[in-house]
N, C-alpha and C. Protein backbone atom coordinates (compact mmCIF):
# COMPACT_ATOMS: atom_id res chain seq x y z
N MET A 1 0.84 -1.17 0.00
CA MET A 1 0.00 0.00 0.00
C MET A 1 0.89 1.24 0.00
N SER A 2 0.62 2.18 -0.89
CA SER A 2 1.44 3.40 -0.94
C SER A 2 0.89 4.43 0.04
N GLU A 3 1.78 5.21 0.55
CA GLU A 3 1.41 6.22 1.53
C GLU A 3 1.43 7.58 0.86
N VAL A 4 0.37 8.35 1.04
CA VAL A 4 0.29 9.69 0.48
C VAL A 4 0.82 10.66 1.51
N LYS A 5 1.82 11.45 1.11
CA LYS A 5 2.40 12.44 2.02
C LYS A 5 1.99 13.83 1.60
N ASP A 6 1.76 14.68 2.58
CA ASP A 6 1.45 16.08 2.32
C ASP A 6 2.76 16.81 2.08
N THR A 7 3.01 17.16 0.83
CA THR A 7 4.28 17.80 0.49
C THR A 7 4.18 19.32 0.48
N ALA A 8 3.00 19.87 0.78
CA ALA A 8 2.84 21.32 0.81
C ALA A 8 3.65 21.91 1.96
N ARG A 9 4.25 23.03 1.69
CA ARG A 9 5.04 23.70 2.72
C ARG A 9 4.13 24.50 3.63
N VAL A 10 4.59 24.67 4.86
CA VAL A 10 3.90 25.55 5.81
C VAL A 10 4.89 26.63 6.19
N VAL A 11 4.50 27.89 5.99
CA VAL A 11 5.38 29.02 6.24
C VAL A 11 4.72 29.95 7.25
N ALA A 12 5.45 30.27 8.31
CA ALA A 12 4.96 31.23 9.31
C ALA A 12 5.28 32.64 8.84
N VAL A 13 4.30 33.53 8.89
CA VAL A 13 4.49 34.92 8.48
C VAL A 13 4.07 35.85 9.62
N THR A 14 4.61 37.05 9.60
CA THR A 14 4.28 38.06 10.60
C THR A 14 3.76 39.31 9.90
N ALA A 15 3.44 40.33 10.67
CA ALA A 15 2.95 41.59 10.11
C ALA A 15 3.98 42.21 9.16
N HIS A 16 5.25 41.92 9.38
CA HIS A 16 6.31 42.45 8.51
C HIS A 16 6.19 41.90 7.09
N ASP A 17 5.60 40.73 6.91
CA ASP A 17 5.48 40.08 5.61
C ASP A 17 4.25 40.53 4.82
N LEU A 18 3.43 41.39 5.40
CA LEU A 18 2.22 41.84 4.73
C LEU A 18 2.50 43.03 3.84
N PRO A 19 1.85 43.21 2.71
CA PRO A 19 0.88 42.31 2.13
C PRO A 19 1.56 41.01 1.67
N LEU A 20 0.90 39.90 1.91
CA LEU A 20 1.45 38.58 1.64
C LEU A 20 1.12 38.14 0.22
N HIS A 21 2.12 37.66 -0.46
CA HIS A 21 1.87 37.09 -1.79
C HIS A 21 2.71 35.84 -1.97
N CYS A 22 2.25 34.99 -2.85
CA CYS A 22 2.95 33.76 -3.20
C CYS A 22 3.12 33.78 -4.70
N PRO A 23 4.29 33.43 -5.22
CA PRO A 23 5.46 32.93 -4.52
C PRO A 23 6.21 34.04 -3.82
N ARG A 24 6.95 33.66 -2.79
CA ARG A 24 7.76 34.59 -2.02
C ARG A 24 8.94 35.06 -2.88
N PRO A 25 9.51 36.23 -2.58
CA PRO A 25 10.63 36.75 -3.38
C PRO A 25 11.84 35.83 -3.41
N ASP A 26 12.03 35.00 -2.39
CA ASP A 26 13.20 34.13 -2.36
C ASP A 26 12.96 32.77 -3.04
N ALA A 27 11.80 32.59 -3.67
CA ALA A 27 11.51 31.31 -4.33
C ALA A 27 12.42 31.14 -5.55
N PRO A 28 12.91 29.92 -5.76
CA PRO A 28 13.75 29.68 -6.94
C PRO A 28 12.93 29.85 -8.22
N LEU A 29 13.58 30.17 -9.30
CA LEU A 29 12.91 30.44 -10.57
C LEU A 29 12.02 29.28 -11.00
N TRP A 30 12.46 28.04 -10.81
CA TRP A 30 11.67 26.89 -11.25
C TRP A 30 10.40 26.70 -10.44
N ALA A 31 10.31 27.31 -9.27
CA ALA A 31 9.15 27.13 -8.41
C ALA A 31 8.17 28.29 -8.50
N ARG A 32 8.37 29.19 -9.43
CA ARG A 32 7.51 30.37 -9.51
C ARG A 32 6.24 30.09 -10.31
N HIS A 33 5.19 30.78 -9.94
CA HIS A 33 3.90 30.72 -10.63
C HIS A 33 3.34 32.13 -10.62
N PRO A 34 2.20 32.40 -11.26
CA PRO A 34 1.64 33.76 -11.21
C PRO A 34 1.44 34.21 -9.76
N ARG A 35 1.74 35.48 -9.50
CA ARG A 35 1.64 36.02 -8.14
C ARG A 35 0.18 36.12 -7.72
N VAL A 36 -0.07 35.66 -6.52
CA VAL A 36 -1.41 35.74 -5.94
C VAL A 36 -1.27 36.31 -4.53
N PHE A 37 -2.11 37.29 -4.21
CA PHE A 37 -2.09 37.89 -2.88
C PHE A 37 -3.02 37.12 -1.96
N LEU A 38 -2.58 36.91 -0.72
CA LEU A 38 -3.31 36.11 0.25
C LEU A 38 -3.56 36.92 1.51
N ASP A 39 -4.68 36.62 2.20
CA ASP A 39 -5.03 37.32 3.43
C ASP A 39 -5.07 36.33 4.60
N PRO A 40 -3.95 36.22 5.33
CA PRO A 40 -3.93 35.29 6.46
C PRO A 40 -4.53 35.86 7.74
N LEU A 41 -4.97 37.11 7.73
CA LEU A 41 -5.47 37.74 8.96
C LEU A 41 -6.88 37.32 9.33
N LYS A 42 -7.72 36.96 8.36
CA LYS A 42 -9.10 36.62 8.67
C LYS A 42 -9.21 35.37 9.53
N THR A 43 -8.50 34.32 9.16
CA THR A 43 -8.62 33.04 9.88
C THR A 43 -7.32 32.61 10.54
N GLY A 44 -6.25 33.36 10.31
CA GLY A 44 -4.96 32.98 10.88
C GLY A 44 -4.10 32.18 9.92
N GLU A 45 -4.67 31.80 8.78
CA GLU A 45 -3.88 31.10 7.78
C GLU A 45 -4.50 31.28 6.40
N ALA A 46 -3.69 31.04 5.38
CA ALA A 46 -4.14 31.12 3.99
C ALA A 46 -3.34 30.12 3.19
N ALA A 47 -3.95 29.59 2.13
CA ALA A 47 -3.28 28.61 1.28
C ALA A 47 -3.21 29.14 -0.14
N CYS A 48 -2.08 28.91 -0.79
CA CYS A 48 -1.90 29.32 -2.17
C CYS A 48 -2.67 28.36 -3.09
N PRO A 49 -3.50 28.89 -3.98
CA PRO A 49 -4.25 28.01 -4.88
C PRO A 49 -3.38 27.36 -5.95
N TYR A 50 -2.19 27.88 -6.20
CA TYR A 50 -1.31 27.32 -7.22
C TYR A 50 -0.45 26.18 -6.70
N CYS A 51 0.29 26.44 -5.62
CA CYS A 51 1.27 25.46 -5.15
C CYS A 51 0.88 24.77 -3.86
N GLY A 52 -0.17 25.25 -3.19
CA GLY A 52 -0.62 24.62 -1.97
C GLY A 52 0.13 25.02 -0.71
N THR A 53 1.10 25.93 -0.83
CA THR A 53 1.83 26.39 0.36
C THR A 53 0.84 27.02 1.33
N ARG A 54 0.93 26.62 2.59
CA ARG A 54 0.07 27.18 3.63
C ARG A 54 0.86 28.21 4.42
N TYR A 55 0.28 29.38 4.59
CA TYR A 55 0.89 30.46 5.35
C TYR A 55 0.10 30.62 6.64
N THR A 56 0.79 30.59 7.78
CA THR A 56 0.13 30.79 9.07
C THR A 56 0.64 32.09 9.67
N PHE A 57 -0.28 32.89 10.17
CA PHE A 57 0.08 34.19 10.74
C PHE A 57 0.45 34.01 12.21
N THR A 58 1.60 34.54 12.59
CA THR A 58 2.04 34.50 13.98
C THR A 58 2.34 35.91 14.45
N GLY A 59 2.23 36.13 15.73
CA GLY A 59 2.55 37.44 16.28
C GLY A 59 1.32 38.33 16.34
N GLU A 60 1.57 39.60 16.57
CA GLU A 60 0.50 40.58 16.74
C GLU A 60 0.03 41.09 15.39
N ALA A 61 -1.28 41.16 15.22
CA ALA A 61 -1.86 41.68 13.98
C ALA A 61 -1.62 43.18 13.89
N PRO A 62 -1.43 43.70 12.66
CA PRO A 62 -1.22 45.13 12.51
C PRO A 62 -2.47 45.91 12.88
N LYS A 63 -2.29 47.12 13.35
CA LYS A 63 -3.40 47.99 13.73
C LYS A 63 -3.68 48.99 12.61
N GLY A 64 -4.92 49.19 12.28
CA GLY A 64 -5.29 50.16 11.25
C GLY A 64 -4.89 49.69 9.87
N HIS A 65 -4.69 50.64 8.99
CA HIS A 65 -4.27 50.30 7.62
C HIS A 65 -2.86 49.81 7.61
N HIS A 66 -2.63 48.81 6.76
CA HIS A 66 -1.28 48.28 6.62
C HIS A 66 -0.95 48.15 5.17
């Protein structure tokens, strides 16, 4: 029986990383896809629809406009 592994990455982000988009600037060229902006503040996490990377928000949420 083969085992299915979750290969999606989980990345912790803070208020410094907002506005959040995937792929991140440090992603290698072969791993890039169209840029998509994500909002991890509503539920504490967001997932990229292209690559499945999950971003979890840690730390204090920004106050006011960011």
